[in-house]
């Protein structure tokens, strides 16, 4: 092995040792409109989140023997989180109340200002690293209960971004 190969490997290993890699636990989630007591417990309740921050829709067109792909739109962000609720079920009640604010029993829907909530993902290591979306609830996932079960009950919740383009952050501009 040549000495420059060893030096190159040494430089790479030093860079790897100093690299500040992102960790999967380096987040906290905030949802506007929560009661203060629930807001304080929310960091304990959220186990994990899953979201795809960017999705570009495309359309393919055949042109002879080749395929051309063009962007045609953007998909809204969908965020799924797994919650370990407390025995009094405060988050389940919050989410159910939020979901009921979207649709009425007579089949009509309310105005966006009544059901959209600001959802922010904030980095713990860099509080300036914030992603914010205006979302509405879409699904409370299946709950599995078992007399043989160990650990804590976990419930998945899904929300979707109201519009696919990023909001300017001003709640006053919430209109269509």
C-alpha atoms as a PDB file:
ATOM      1  CA  UNK A   1       0.000   0.000   0.000  1.00  0.00           C
ATOM      2  CA  UNK A   2       1.408   3.370  -1.018  1.00  0.00           C
ATOM      3  CA  UNK A   3       2.003   6.029   1.647  1.00  0.00           C
ATOM      4  CA  UNK A   4      -0.363   8.477  -0.076  1.00  0.00           C
ATOM      5  CA  UNK A   5      -3.110   5.832   0.133  1.00  0.00           C
ATOM      6  CA  UNK A   6      -2.508   5.511   3.883  1.00  0.00           C
ATOM      7  CA  UNK A   7      -2.488   9.314   4.318  1.00  0.00           C
ATOM      8  CA  UNK A   8      -5.738   9.597   2.339  1.00  0.00           C
ATOM      9  CA  UNK A   9      -7.371   6.940   4.530  1.00  0.00           C
ATOM     10  CA  UNK A  10      -6.083   8.726   7.650  1.00  0.00           C
ATOM     11  CA  UNK A  11      -7.579  12.048   6.473  1.00  0.00           C
ATOM     12  CA  UNK A  12     -10.919  10.347   5.735  1.00  0.00           C
ATOM     13  CA  UNK A  13     -11.022   8.666   9.157  1.00  0.00           C
ATOM     14  CA  UNK A  14     -10.257  11.991  10.887  1.00  0.00           C
ATOM     15  CA  UNK A  15     -13.064  13.715   8.932  1.00  0.00           C
ATOM     16  CA  UNK A  16     -15.470  10.907   9.874  1.00  0.00           C
ATOM     17  CA  UNK A  17     -14.511  11.177  13.555  1.00  0.00           C
ATOM     18  CA  UNK A  18     -15.224  14.948  13.524  1.00  0.00           C
ATOM     19  CA  UNK A  19     -18.389  14.821  11.404  1.00  0.00           C
ATOM     20  CA  UNK A  20     -21.537  16.012  13.153  1.00  0.00           C
ATOM     21  CA  UNK A  21     -23.985  13.448  11.778  1.00  0.00           C
ATOM     22  CA  UNK A  22     -27.726  13.968  12.115  1.00  0.00           C
ATOM     23  CA  UNK A  23     -29.379  11.716  14.679  1.00  0.00           C
ATOM     24  CA  UNK A  24     -32.906  10.263  14.304  1.00  0.00           C
ATOM     25  CA  UNK A  25     -33.903  11.474  17.794  1.00  0.00           C
ATOM     26  CA  UNK A  26     -32.880  15.096  17.107  1.00  0.00           C
ATOM     27  CA  UNK A  27     -36.371  16.577  16.814  1.00  0.00           C
ATOM     28  CA  UNK A  28     -39.320  17.859  18.697  1.00  0.00           C
ATOM     29  CA  UNK A  29     -42.776  18.521  17.335  1.00  0.00           C
ATOM     30  CA  UNK A  30     -45.140  21.381  18.091  1.00  0.00           C
ATOM     31  CA  UNK A  31     -48.809  21.622  17.100  1.00  0.00           C
ATOM     32  CA  UNK A  32     -50.582  24.942  17.557  1.00  0.00           C
ATOM     33  CA  UNK A  33     -53.751  25.094  19.612  1.00  0.00           C
ATOM     34  CA  UNK A  34     -52.857  22.520  22.259  1.00  0.00           C
ATOM     35  CA  UNK A  35     -53.735  23.038  25.899  1.00  0.00           C
ATOM     36  CA  UNK A  36     -50.670  24.123  27.899  1.00  0.00           C
ATOM     37  CA  UNK A  37     -50.618  20.949  30.019  1.00  0.00           C
ATOM     38  CA  UNK A  38     -50.740  18.733  26.907  1.00  0.00           C
ATOM     39  CA  UNK A  39     -48.132  20.882  25.164  1.00  0.00           C
ATOM     40  CA  UNK A  40     -45.764  20.284  28.104  1.00  0.00           C
ATOM     41  CA  UNK A  41     -46.270  16.486  27.931  1.00  0.00           C
ATOM     42  CA  UNK A  42     -46.191  16.288  24.128  1.00  0.00           C
ATOM     43  CA  UNK A  43     -42.415  15.660  23.929  1.00  0.00           C
ATOM     44  CA  UNK A  44     -42.954  12.609  26.155  1.00  0.00           C
ATOM     45  CA  UNK A  45     -45.779  11.317  23.985  1.00  0.00           C
ATOM     46  CA  UNK A  46     -44.277  11.550  20.478  1.00  0.00           C
ATOM     47  CA  UNK A  47     -42.255   8.419  19.797  1.00  0.00           C
ATOM     48  CA  UNK A  48     -41.399   8.957  16.150  1.00  0.00           C
ATOM     49  CA  UNK A  49     -42.367  10.923  13.064  1.00  0.00           C
ATOM     50  CA  UNK A  50     -42.210  10.094   9.390  1.00  0.00           C
ATOM     51  CA  UNK A  51     -42.572  12.598   6.579  1.00  0.00           C
ATOM     52  CA  UNK A  52     -41.402  13.263   3.050  1.00  0.00           C
ATOM     53  CA  UNK A  53     -40.630  16.973   2.868  1.00  0.00           C
ATOM     54  CA  UNK A  54     -40.369  17.202  -0.929  1.00  0.00           C
ATOM     55  CA  UNK A  55     -42.235  15.310  -3.640  1.00  0.00           C
ATOM     56  CA  UNK A  56     -42.322  16.593  -7.206  1.00  0.00           C
ATOM     57  CA  UNK A  57     -45.023  15.080  -9.422  1.00  0.00           C
ATOM     58  CA  UNK A  58     -43.891  14.293 -12.945  1.00  0.00           C
ATOM     59  CA  UNK A  59     -45.459  13.273 -16.212  1.00  0.00           C
ATOM     60  CA  UNK A  60     -43.666  11.110 -18.745  1.00  0.00           C
ATOM     61  CA  UNK A  61     -44.086  11.579 -22.492  1.00  0.00           C
ATOM     62  CA  UNK A  62     -42.793   9.113 -25.083  1.00  0.00           C
ATOM     63  CA  UNK A  63     -40.879  10.730 -27.931  1.00  0.00           C
ATOM     64  CA  UNK A  64     -39.813   7.992 -30.286  1.00  0.00           C
ATOM     65  CA  UNK A  65     -37.490   5.668 -28.430  1.00  0.00           C
ATOM     66  CA  UNK A  66     -36.895   7.952 -25.481  1.00  0.00           C
ATOM     67  CA  UNK A  67     -38.978   9.128 -22.554  1.00  0.00           C
ATOM     68  CA  UNK A  68     -39.061  12.761 -21.473  1.00  0.00           C
ATOM     69  CA  UNK A  69     -40.121  13.553 -17.918  1.00  0.00           C
ATOM     70  CA  UNK A  70     -41.528  16.956 -16.980  1.00  0.00           C
ATOM     71  CA  UNK A  71     -42.498  18.352 -13.568  1.00  0.00           C
ATOM     72  CA  UNK A  72     -46.252  18.978 -13.315  1.00  0.00           C
ATOM     73  CA  UNK A  73     -46.824  19.731  -9.643  1.00  0.00           C
ATOM     74  CA  UNK A  74     -45.833  19.302  -6.030  1.00  0.00           C
ATOM     75  CA  UNK A  75     -47.321  16.904  -3.507  1.00  0.00           C
ATOM     76  CA  UNK A  76     -48.293  18.123  -0.050  1.00  0.00           C
ATOM     77  CA  UNK A  77     -46.272  16.866   2.902  1.00  0.00           C
ATOM     78  CA  UNK A  78     -47.851  13.986   4.768  1.00  0.00           C
ATOM     79  CA  UNK A  79     -46.663  13.526   8.346  1.00  0.00           C
ATOM     80  CA  UNK A  80     -47.278  10.396  10.393  1.00  0.00           C
ATOM     81  CA  UNK A  81     -46.377  10.254  14.051  1.00  0.00           C
ATOM     82  CA  UNK A  82     -46.560   7.510  16.614  1.00  0.00           C
ATOM     83  CA  UNK A  83     -47.883   8.615  20.000  1.00  0.00           C
ATOM     84  CA  UNK A  84     -47.716   6.877  23.360  1.00  0.00           C
ATOM     85  CA  UNK A  85     -50.724   8.460  25.025  1.00  0.00           C
ATOM     86  CA  UNK A  86     -51.300   8.827  28.759  1.00  0.00           C
ATOM     87  CA  UNK A  87     -53.959   6.752  30.553  1.00  0.00           C
ATOM     88  CA  UNK A  88     -56.379   9.718  30.448  1.00  0.00           C
ATOM     89  CA  UNK A  89     -55.898   9.819  26.635  1.00  0.00           C
ATOM     90  CA  UNK A  90     -55.351  13.596  26.325  1.00  0.00           C
ATOM     91  CA  UNK A  91     -53.751  13.442  22.880  1.00  0.00           C
ATOM     92  CA  UNK A  92     -56.377  11.071  21.486  1.00  0.00           C
ATOM     93  CA  UNK A  93     -59.051  13.491  22.666  1.00  0.00           C
ATOM     94  CA  UNK A  94     -57.149  16.462  21.183  1.00  0.00           C
ATOM     95  CA  UNK A  95     -56.759  14.691  17.820  1.00  0.00           C
ATOM     96  CA  UNK A  96     -60.405  13.552  17.731  1.00  0.00           C
ATOM     97  CA  UNK A  97     -61.607  17.083  18.503  1.00  0.00           C
ATOM     98  CA  UNK A  98     -59.288  18.423  15.784  1.00  0.00           C
ATOM     99  CA  UNK A  99     -60.597  15.858  13.260  1.00  0.00           C
ATOM    100  CA  UNK A 100     -64.204  16.718  14.114  1.00  0.00           C
ATOM    101  CA  UNK A 101     -63.467  20.390  13.409  1.00  0.00           C
ATOM    102  CA  UNK A 102     -62.839  19.492   9.730  1.00  0.00           C
ATOM    103  CA  UNK A 103     -66.147  17.831   8.847  1.00  0.00           C
ATOM    104  CA  UNK A 104     -69.657  18.248  10.195  1.00  0.00           C
ATOM    105  CA  UNK A 105     -72.176  15.463  10.793  1.00  0.00           C
ATOM    106  CA  UNK A 106     -74.342  16.780   7.930  1.00  0.00           C
ATOM    107  CA  UNK A 107     -71.563  16.151   5.393  1.00  0.00           C
ATOM    108  CA  UNK A 108     -70.371  19.752   5.063  1.00  0.00           C
ATOM    109  CA  UNK A 109     -66.874  20.983   5.779  1.00  0.00           C
ATOM    110  CA  UNK A 110     -65.735  23.962   7.806  1.00  0.00           C
ATOM    111  CA  UNK A 111     -63.463  26.814   6.749  1.00  0.00           C
ATOM    112  CA  UNK A 112     -59.713  26.185   6.745  1.00  0.00           C
ATOM    113  CA  UNK A 113     -59.174  28.761   9.488  1.00  0.00           C
ATOM    114  CA  UNK A 114     -61.251  26.525  11.797  1.00  0.00           C
ATOM    115  CA  UNK A 115     -59.252  23.328  11.344  1.00  0.00           C
ATOM    116  CA  UNK A 116     -55.747  24.083  10.047  1.00  0.00           C
ATOM    117  CA  UNK A 117     -53.029  23.890  12.668  1.00  0.00           C
ATOM    118  CA  UNK A 118     -49.407  24.931  12.436  1.00  0.00           C
ATOM    119  CA  UNK A 119     -47.183  21.868  12.818  1.00  0.00           C
ATOM    120  CA  UNK A 120     -43.478  22.519  13.336  1.00  0.00           C
ATOM    121  CA  UNK A 121     -40.562  20.092  13.379  1.00  0.00           C
ATOM    122  CA  UNK A 122     -37.711  21.662  15.328  1.00  0.00           C
ATOM    123  CA  UNK A 123     -34.163  20.367  15.555  1.00  0.00           C
ATOM    124  CA  UNK A 124     -32.973  19.907  19.148  1.00  0.00           C
ATOM    125  CA  UNK A 125     -29.337  20.548  18.255  1.00  0.00           C
ATOM    126  CA  UNK A 126     -30.107  23.593  16.072  1.00  0.00           C
ATOM    127  CA  UNK A 127     -33.317  25.387  17.153  1.00  0.00           C
ATOM    128  CA  UNK A 128     -33.081  27.619  14.060  1.00  0.00           C
ATOM    129  CA  UNK A 129     -33.665  24.519  11.900  1.00  0.00           C
ATOM    130  CA  UNK A 130     -37.482  24.567  11.780  1.00  0.00           C
ATOM    131  CA  UNK A 131     -39.846  23.135   9.196  1.00  0.00           C
ATOM    132  CA  UNK A 132     -43.417  24.425   9.454  1.00  0.00           C
ATOM    133  CA  UNK A 133     -46.547  23.228   7.684  1.00  0.00           C
ATOM    134  CA  UNK A 134     -50.232  24.072   7.990  1.00  0.00           C
ATOM    135  CA  UNK A 135     -51.927  20.698   8.293  1.00  0.00           C
ATOM    136  CA  UNK A 136     -55.210  18.945   8.844  1.00  0.00           C
ATOM    137  CA  UNK A 137     -55.745  15.522  10.398  1.00  0.00           C
ATOM    138  CA  UNK A 138     -56.477  12.663   8.005  1.00  0.00           C
ATOM    139  CA  UNK A 139     -56.249   9.441   9.993  1.00  0.00           C
ATOM    140  CA  UNK A 140     -55.989   7.973  13.420  1.00  0.00           C
ATOM    141  CA  UNK A 141     -54.327   4.656  12.718  1.00  0.00           C
ATOM    142  CA  UNK A 142     -55.259   1.206  13.918  1.00  0.00           C
ATOM    143  CA  UNK A 143     -54.848   0.554  17.613  1.00  0.00           C
ATOM    144  CA  UNK A 144     -53.678  -2.872  18.717  1.00  0.00           C
ATOM    145  CA  UNK A 145     -54.474  -3.896  22.267  1.00  0.00           C
ATOM    146  CA  UNK A 146     -53.515  -7.268  23.689  1.00  0.00           C
ATOM    147  CA  UNK A 147     -53.679  -8.924  27.088  1.00  0.00           C
ATOM    148  CA  UNK A 148     -50.237 -10.375  26.258  1.00  0.00           C
ATOM    149  CA  UNK A 149     -48.900  -6.974  25.232  1.00  0.00           C
ATOM    150  CA  UNK A 150     -45.738  -5.533  26.708  1.00  0.00           C
ATOM    151  CA  UNK A 151     -44.588  -1.950  26.732  1.00  0.00           C
ATOM    152  CA  UNK A 152     -46.803   1.041  26.031  1.00  0.00           C
ATOM    153  CA  UNK A 153     -49.801   1.422  23.739  1.00  0.00           C
ATOM    154  CA  UNK A 154     -48.743   3.192  20.531  1.00  0.00           C
ATOM    155  CA  UNK A 155     -51.148   4.968  18.179  1.00  0.00           C
ATOM    156  CA  UNK A 156     -50.244   6.275  14.712  1.00  0.00           C
ATOM    157  CA  UNK A 157     -51.726   9.606  13.583  1.00  0.00           C
ATOM    158  CA  UNK A 158     -51.506  11.083  10.087  1.00  0.00           C
ATOM    159  CA  UNK A 159     -51.803  14.690   8.982  1.00  0.00           C
ATOM    160  CA  UNK A 160     -51.455  16.277   5.553  1.00  0.00           C
ATOM    161  CA  UNK A 161     -50.322  19.698   4.462  1.00  0.00           C
ATOM    162  CA  UNK A 162     -53.151  21.963   3.295  1.00  0.00           C
ATOM    163  CA  UNK A 163     -51.288  23.284   0.276  1.00  0.00           C
ATOM    164  CA  UNK A 164     -48.204  21.811  -1.286  1.00  0.00           C
ATOM    165  CA  UNK A 165     -46.207  25.038  -1.443  1.00  0.00           C
ATOM    166  CA  UNK A 166     -44.539  26.245   1.730  1.00  0.00           C
ATOM    167  CA  UNK A 167     -46.498  28.782   3.726  1.00  0.00           C
ATOM    168  CA  UNK A 168     -45.042  32.227   4.436  1.00  0.00           C
ATOM    169  CA  UNK A 169     -45.561  31.575   8.145  1.00  0.00           C
ATOM    170  CA  UNK A 170     -48.107  34.351   8.594  1.00  0.00           C
ATOM    171  CA  UNK A 171     -51.373  33.021  10.003  1.00  0.00           C
ATOM    172  CA  UNK A 172     -53.136  36.114   8.645  1.00  0.00           C
ATOM    173  CA  UNK A 173     -52.461  34.860   5.097  1.00  0.00           C
ATOM    174  CA  UNK A 174     -54.384  31.628   5.699  1.00  0.00           C
ATOM    175  CA  UNK A 175     -56.952  32.329   3.001  1.00  0.00           C
ATOM    176  CA  UNK A 176     -57.019  30.580  -0.341  1.00  0.00           C
END
